[in-house]
Every structure is written in structure tokens, then in C-alpha cells.
Amino acid sequence: MAFLTFLEDGFQFIVQCSVLFLECVGVAVLLVAAVKSIIGCFRHDPHVRLILAQGIALALEFKLGGEVLRTAIVREYSELITLGAIILLRGTLTFLIHWEIKNEESRISV
């Protein structure tokens, strides 16, 4: 029984570290995209909106991956409902941002 507890604790540690890593990568991607967009604004780059939208979309994908991975260690239904709502919200935001990227790419190519 102690071995199973040890395995469960190890699994939770690995999942929590992985979630933290994915969250940090998402934040880093968003910061890089924001800096690129700010520089693009000063240079009057017509693609600045596209760069920012792509960065936001990629950052949301990493954050969504972290939330999905977090479902592996959920213990209560209330946590699962909250996590499900967060996943649904981030999934919707990702869909809307991809739609915006598609529209922006078609606007630029015209």
C-alpha cells in the first residue's frame, strides 16, 4: 500500500510540474508576441494584428494543454466542473482567435 501511495504522489508531482511548465511556456509565448507586436506598431508593420493574434492563439493552446493535463489529478466533482468551464472558455477563445486570424490573413492577402 505504501508503494501505491508513493506512485500516486510521484504521478501528482509529475503532472503538477508539467502543468506549471505548460503554463509558463504559454506566458512566455504571449510575452514574446506582445513585444513583437509593440515593435511592429512602432515600425508601422501592417501585419502586427496577425502577429499578436497568432501569439495569443499559440499561448492559449499551451494554457489549454495545461488545463487538460490538470484533469488527471482532479479529486472532486466541483473541481472537475470548474476545470471543464475553464477548458470550454479557453477552447472558445482559441476558436474565435483562429477565426480572427483567418479573416486577417484574407484581408492582408487582398
N, C-alpha and C. Protein backbone atom coordinates (compact mmCIF):
# COMPACT_ATOMS: atom_id res chain seq x y z
N MET A 1 0.82 -1.19 0.00
CA MET A 1 0.00 0.00 0.00
C MET A 1 0.87 1.26 0.00
N ALA A 2 1.97 1.22 0.70
CA ALA A 2 2.87 2.37 0.74
C ALA A 2 3.46 2.63 -0.64
N PHE A 3 3.68 1.56 -1.39
CA PHE A 3 4.23 1.71 -2.74
C PHE A 3 3.24 2.43 -3.65
N LEU A 4 1.95 2.07 -3.53
CA LEU A 4 0.93 2.73 -4.34
C LEU A 4 0.80 4.20 -3.98
N THR A 5 0.88 4.51 -2.71
CA THR A 5 0.84 5.91 -2.28
C THR A 5 2.04 6.68 -2.83
N PHE A 6 3.19 6.03 -2.81
CA PHE A 6 4.40 6.64 -3.37
C PHE A 6 4.24 6.89 -4.87
N LEU A 7 3.69 5.91 -5.59
CA LEU A 7 3.46 6.09 -7.04
C LEU A 7 2.46 7.21 -7.31
N GLU A 8 1.40 7.25 -6.51
CA GLU A 8 0.39 8.30 -6.71
C GLU A 8 0.98 9.68 -6.44
N ASP A 9 1.76 9.81 -5.39
CA ASP A 9 2.41 11.09 -5.08
C ASP A 9 3.38 11.48 -6.19
N GLY A 10 4.12 10.51 -6.70
CA GLY A 10 5.05 10.78 -7.81
C GLY A 10 4.32 11.21 -9.06
N PHE A 11 3.20 10.55 -9.35
CA PHE A 11 2.39 10.91 -10.52
C PHE A 11 1.85 12.33 -10.38
N GLN A 12 1.33 12.65 -9.21
CA GLN A 12 0.81 14.00 -8.99
C GLN A 12 1.90 15.05 -9.12
N PHE A 13 3.09 14.75 -8.64
CA PHE A 13 4.21 15.68 -8.75
C PHE A 13 4.57 15.91 -10.21
N ILE A 14 4.65 14.82 -10.99
CA ILE A 14 5.00 14.94 -12.41
C ILE A 14 3.94 15.75 -13.16
N VAL A 15 2.67 15.49 -12.89
CA VAL A 15 1.59 16.21 -13.56
C VAL A 15 1.61 17.69 -13.17
N GLN A 16 1.80 17.99 -11.89
CA GLN A 16 1.83 19.38 -11.46
C GLN A 16 3.02 20.13 -12.07
N CYS A 17 4.18 19.47 -12.16
CA CYS A 17 5.34 20.11 -12.80
C CYS A 17 5.08 20.33 -14.28
N SER A 18 4.44 19.37 -14.93
CA SER A 18 4.13 19.51 -16.35
C SER A 18 3.13 20.62 -16.61
N VAL A 19 2.12 20.71 -15.75
CA VAL A 19 1.13 21.79 -15.88
C VAL A 19 1.82 23.14 -15.71
N LEU A 20 2.66 23.25 -14.70
CA LEU A 20 3.38 24.50 -14.46
C LEU A 20 4.27 24.86 -15.65
N PHE A 21 4.93 23.85 -16.22
CA PHE A 21 5.78 24.09 -17.39
C PHE A 21 4.96 24.61 -18.57
N LEU A 22 3.83 23.95 -18.85
CA LEU A 22 2.98 24.39 -19.98
C LEU A 22 2.43 25.79 -19.75
N GLU A 23 2.05 26.09 -18.52
CA GLU A 23 1.56 27.43 -18.20
C GLU A 23 2.66 28.48 -18.43
N CYS A 24 3.87 28.16 -17.99
CA CYS A 24 4.99 29.10 -18.17
C CYS A 24 5.32 29.30 -19.65
N VAL A 25 5.28 28.23 -20.42
CA VAL A 25 5.54 28.35 -21.86
C VAL A 25 4.46 29.23 -22.50
N GLY A 26 3.21 29.05 -22.09
CA GLY A 26 2.13 29.89 -22.62
C GLY A 26 2.34 31.35 -22.30
N VAL A 27 2.76 31.65 -21.09
CA VAL A 27 3.03 33.04 -20.71
C VAL A 27 4.21 33.60 -21.51
N ALA A 28 5.26 32.79 -21.68
CA ALA A 28 6.44 33.24 -22.44
C ALA A 28 6.07 33.52 -23.89
N VAL A 29 5.27 32.66 -24.49
CA VAL A 29 4.84 32.86 -25.89
C VAL A 29 4.04 34.15 -26.00
N LEU A 30 3.15 34.38 -25.05
CA LEU A 30 2.34 35.60 -25.08
C LEU A 30 3.20 36.85 -24.93
N LEU A 31 4.18 36.80 -24.04
CA LEU A 31 5.07 37.95 -23.85
C LEU A 31 5.89 38.23 -25.11
N VAL A 32 6.41 37.18 -25.74
CA VAL A 32 7.18 37.37 -26.97
C VAL A 32 6.31 37.98 -28.07
N ALA A 33 5.09 37.47 -28.20
CA ALA A 33 4.17 38.01 -29.22
C ALA A 33 3.83 39.47 -28.92
N ALA A 34 3.65 39.81 -27.65
CA ALA A 34 3.33 41.19 -27.28
C ALA A 34 4.50 42.11 -27.60
N VAL A 35 5.71 41.69 -27.29
CA VAL A 35 6.89 42.52 -27.59
C VAL A 35 7.04 42.70 -29.10
N LYS A 36 6.87 41.61 -29.85
CA LYS A 36 6.93 41.71 -31.33
C LYS A 36 5.88 42.67 -31.85
N SER A 37 4.69 42.61 -31.27
CA SER A 37 3.60 43.49 -31.73
C SER A 37 3.88 44.95 -31.39
N ILE A 38 4.42 45.19 -30.21
CA ILE A 38 4.77 46.57 -29.84
C ILE A 38 5.83 47.12 -30.78
N ILE A 39 6.84 46.32 -31.08
CA ILE A 39 7.88 46.74 -32.02
C ILE A 39 7.27 46.96 -33.40
N GLY A 40 6.35 46.07 -33.79
CA GLY A 40 5.67 46.22 -35.07
C GLY A 40 4.83 47.48 -35.15
N CYS A 41 4.24 47.88 -34.04
CA CYS A 41 3.46 49.13 -34.02
C CYS A 41 4.35 50.33 -34.29
N PHE A 42 5.53 50.35 -33.66
CA PHE A 42 6.44 51.47 -33.88
C PHE A 42 7.00 51.48 -35.30
N ARG A 43 7.10 50.32 -35.92
CA ARG A 43 7.61 50.24 -37.30
C ARG A 43 6.48 50.34 -38.33
N HIS A 44 5.26 50.50 -37.87
CA HIS A 44 4.08 50.59 -38.73
C HIS A 44 3.94 49.36 -39.62
N ASP A 45 4.16 48.19 -39.03
CA ASP A 45 4.02 46.92 -39.74
C ASP A 45 2.53 46.61 -39.92
N PRO A 46 2.08 46.35 -41.16
CA PRO A 46 0.66 46.07 -41.38
C PRO A 46 0.24 44.70 -40.85
N HIS A 47 1.21 43.86 -40.51
CA HIS A 47 0.91 42.50 -40.05
C HIS A 47 0.89 42.39 -38.52
N VAL A 48 0.90 43.50 -37.82
CA VAL A 48 1.03 43.48 -36.37
C VAL A 48 -0.16 42.78 -35.70
N ARG A 49 -1.35 42.98 -36.21
CA ARG A 49 -2.52 42.31 -35.64
C ARG A 49 -2.43 40.81 -35.81
N LEU A 50 -1.95 40.39 -36.96
CA LEU A 50 -1.81 38.96 -37.24
C LEU A 50 -0.77 38.32 -36.33
N ILE A 51 0.34 39.01 -36.13
CA ILE A 51 1.40 38.51 -35.25
C ILE A 51 0.87 38.35 -33.83
N LEU A 52 0.15 39.35 -33.35
CA LEU A 52 -0.40 39.29 -32.00
C LEU A 52 -1.45 38.19 -31.87
N ALA A 53 -2.33 38.09 -32.84
CA ALA A 53 -3.39 37.06 -32.79
C ALA A 53 -2.79 35.66 -32.82
N GLN A 54 -1.77 35.45 -33.64
CA GLN A 54 -1.12 34.13 -33.69
C GLN A 54 -0.43 33.81 -32.37
N GLY A 55 0.19 34.80 -31.76
CA GLY A 55 0.84 34.59 -30.47
C GLY A 55 -0.17 34.27 -29.38
N ILE A 56 -1.28 34.98 -29.38
CA ILE A 56 -2.33 34.72 -28.40
C ILE A 56 -2.89 33.31 -28.59
N ALA A 57 -3.12 32.93 -29.84
CA ALA A 57 -3.66 31.60 -30.12
C ALA A 57 -2.70 30.50 -29.65
N LEU A 58 -1.42 30.66 -29.93
CA LEU A 58 -0.44 29.66 -29.51
C LEU A 58 -0.33 29.61 -27.98
N ALA A 59 -0.35 30.77 -27.35
CA ALA A 59 -0.30 30.81 -25.88
C ALA A 59 -1.52 30.12 -25.28
N LEU A 60 -2.69 30.34 -25.86
CA LEU A 60 -3.90 29.69 -25.37
C LEU A 60 -3.84 28.18 -25.56
N GLU A 61 -3.20 27.72 -26.62
CA GLU A 61 -3.06 26.28 -26.84
C GLU A 61 -2.22 25.66 -25.73
N PHE A 62 -1.14 26.31 -25.34
CA PHE A 62 -0.32 25.79 -24.24
C PHE A 62 -1.10 25.81 -22.93
N LYS A 63 -1.81 26.90 -22.68
CA LYS A 63 -2.59 27.00 -21.44
C LYS A 63 -3.70 25.95 -21.42
N LEU A 64 -4.32 25.71 -22.57
CA LEU A 64 -5.36 24.70 -22.67
C LEU A 64 -4.78 23.31 -22.43
N GLY A 65 -3.59 23.06 -22.96
CA GLY A 65 -2.92 21.79 -22.70
C GLY A 65 -2.66 21.58 -21.23
N GLY A 66 -2.26 22.62 -20.54
CA GLY A 66 -2.06 22.53 -19.10
C GLY A 66 -3.34 22.21 -18.35
N GLU A 67 -4.44 22.82 -18.77
CA GLU A 67 -5.72 22.56 -18.12
C GLU A 67 -6.18 21.12 -18.37
N VAL A 68 -6.00 20.63 -19.59
CA VAL A 68 -6.39 19.25 -19.89
C VAL A 68 -5.55 18.29 -19.06
N LEU A 69 -4.27 18.55 -18.95
CA LEU A 69 -3.39 17.70 -18.14
C LEU A 69 -3.78 17.76 -16.67
N ARG A 70 -4.25 18.89 -16.22
CA ARG A 70 -4.67 19.05 -14.82
C ARG A 70 -5.86 18.16 -14.49
N THR A 71 -6.66 17.78 -15.49
CA THR A 71 -7.81 16.91 -15.23
C THR A 71 -7.37 15.54 -14.71
N ALA A 72 -6.12 15.16 -14.93
CA ALA A 72 -5.63 13.86 -14.47
C ALA A 72 -5.54 13.79 -12.95
N ILE A 73 -5.48 14.90 -12.26
CA ILE A 73 -5.32 14.88 -10.80
C ILE A 73 -6.50 15.49 -10.06
N VAL A 74 -7.62 15.66 -10.74
CA VAL A 74 -8.81 16.21 -10.11
C VAL A 74 -9.41 15.17 -9.17
N ARG A 75 -9.81 15.59 -7.99
CA ARG A 75 -10.34 14.66 -6.99
C ARG A 75 -11.84 14.85 -6.71
N GLU A 76 -12.39 16.02 -6.97
CA GLU A 76 -13.79 16.29 -6.63
C GLU A 76 -14.54 16.78 -7.87
N TYR A 77 -15.86 16.57 -7.85
CA TYR A 77 -16.69 16.99 -8.97
C TYR A 77 -16.71 18.51 -9.13
N SER A 78 -16.66 19.24 -8.04
CA SER A 78 -16.67 20.70 -8.14
C SER A 78 -15.41 21.20 -8.86
N GLU A 79 -14.27 20.55 -8.59
CA GLU A 79 -13.04 20.91 -9.31
C GLU A 79 -13.17 20.57 -10.79
N LEU A 80 -13.79 19.42 -11.07
CA LEU A 80 -13.94 18.99 -12.46
C LEU A 80 -14.86 19.94 -13.23
N ILE A 81 -15.92 20.40 -12.58
CA ILE A 81 -16.85 21.34 -13.23
C ILE A 81 -16.14 22.67 -13.51
N THR A 82 -15.38 23.16 -12.53
CA THR A 82 -14.63 24.40 -12.72
C THR A 82 -13.61 24.24 -13.84
N LEU A 83 -12.89 23.12 -13.84
CA LEU A 83 -11.90 22.86 -14.87
C LEU A 83 -12.55 22.73 -16.24
N GLY A 84 -13.71 22.08 -16.29
CA GLY A 84 -14.44 21.95 -17.55
C GLY A 84 -14.86 23.31 -18.10
N ALA A 85 -15.31 24.19 -17.20
CA ALA A 85 -15.71 25.53 -17.63
C ALA A 85 -14.50 26.31 -18.16
N ILE A 86 -13.36 26.17 -17.50
CA ILE A 86 -12.14 26.85 -17.97
C ILE A 86 -11.73 26.32 -19.33
N ILE A 87 -11.77 25.00 -19.49
CA ILE A 87 -11.40 24.40 -20.78
C ILE A 87 -12.36 24.86 -21.87
N LEU A 88 -13.64 24.90 -21.58
CA LEU A 88 -14.63 25.36 -22.55
C LEU A 88 -14.39 26.81 -22.94
N LEU A 89 -14.12 27.65 -21.95
CA LEU A 89 -13.87 29.07 -22.21
C LEU A 89 -12.60 29.25 -23.06
N ARG A 90 -11.53 28.58 -22.69
CA ARG A 90 -10.29 28.71 -23.45
C ARG A 90 -10.42 28.12 -24.84
N GLY A 91 -11.16 27.03 -24.97
CA GLY A 91 -11.41 26.45 -26.29
C GLY A 91 -12.20 27.41 -27.18
N THR A 92 -13.19 28.06 -26.60
CA THR A 92 -13.98 29.05 -27.35
C THR A 92 -13.11 30.23 -27.77
N LEU A 93 -12.28 30.72 -26.85
CA LEU A 93 -11.37 31.82 -27.18
C LEU A 93 -10.41 31.43 -28.30
N THR A 94 -9.89 30.20 -28.23
CA THR A 94 -8.97 29.73 -29.28
C THR A 94 -9.69 29.69 -30.63
N PHE A 95 -10.93 29.18 -30.64
CA PHE A 95 -11.70 29.13 -31.88
C PHE A 95 -11.92 30.54 -32.44
N LEU A 96 -12.30 31.47 -31.59
CA LEU A 96 -12.55 32.84 -32.05
C LEU A 96 -11.27 33.51 -32.56
N ILE A 97 -10.17 33.25 -31.90
CA ILE A 97 -8.91 33.86 -32.34
C ILE A 97 -8.46 33.25 -33.68
N HIS A 98 -8.64 31.94 -33.85
CA HIS A 98 -8.31 31.34 -35.15
C HIS A 98 -9.20 31.90 -36.25
N TRP A 99 -10.46 32.17 -35.94
CA TRP A 99 -11.36 32.77 -36.91
C TRP A 99 -10.86 34.17 -37.27
N GLU A 100 -10.43 34.94 -36.26
CA GLU A 100 -9.90 36.28 -36.49
C GLU A 100 -8.62 36.22 -37.32
N ILE A 101 -7.76 35.24 -37.05
CA ILE A 101 -6.52 35.08 -37.83
C ILE A 101 -6.86 34.81 -39.30
N LYS A 102 -7.82 33.94 -39.52
CA LYS A 102 -8.23 33.61 -40.90
C LYS A 102 -8.73 34.86 -41.62
N ASN A 103 -9.56 35.65 -40.94
CA ASN A 103 -10.07 36.89 -41.54
C ASN A 103 -8.95 37.90 -41.80
N GLU A 104 -8.02 38.00 -40.87
CA GLU A 104 -6.92 38.94 -41.02
C GLU A 104 -6.00 38.53 -42.16
N GLU A 105 -5.75 37.21 -42.28
CA GLU A 105 -4.91 36.73 -43.38
C GLU A 105 -5.57 37.00 -44.73
N SER A 106 -6.88 36.80 -44.81
CA SER A 106 -7.57 37.09 -46.07
C SER A 106 -7.60 38.57 -46.37
N ARG A 107 -7.68 39.41 -45.35
CA ARG A 107 -7.66 40.86 -45.54
C ARG A 107 -6.29 41.33 -46.04
N ILE A 108 -5.24 40.75 -45.50
CA ILE A 108 -3.88 41.14 -45.88
C ILE A 108 -3.55 40.68 -47.30
N SER A 109 -4.03 39.49 -47.67
CA SER A 109 -3.68 38.95 -48.99
C SER A 109 -4.42 39.64 -50.12
N VAL A 110 -5.46 40.39 -49.82
CA VAL A 110 -6.24 41.08 -50.88
C VAL A 110 -5.52 42.28 -51.40
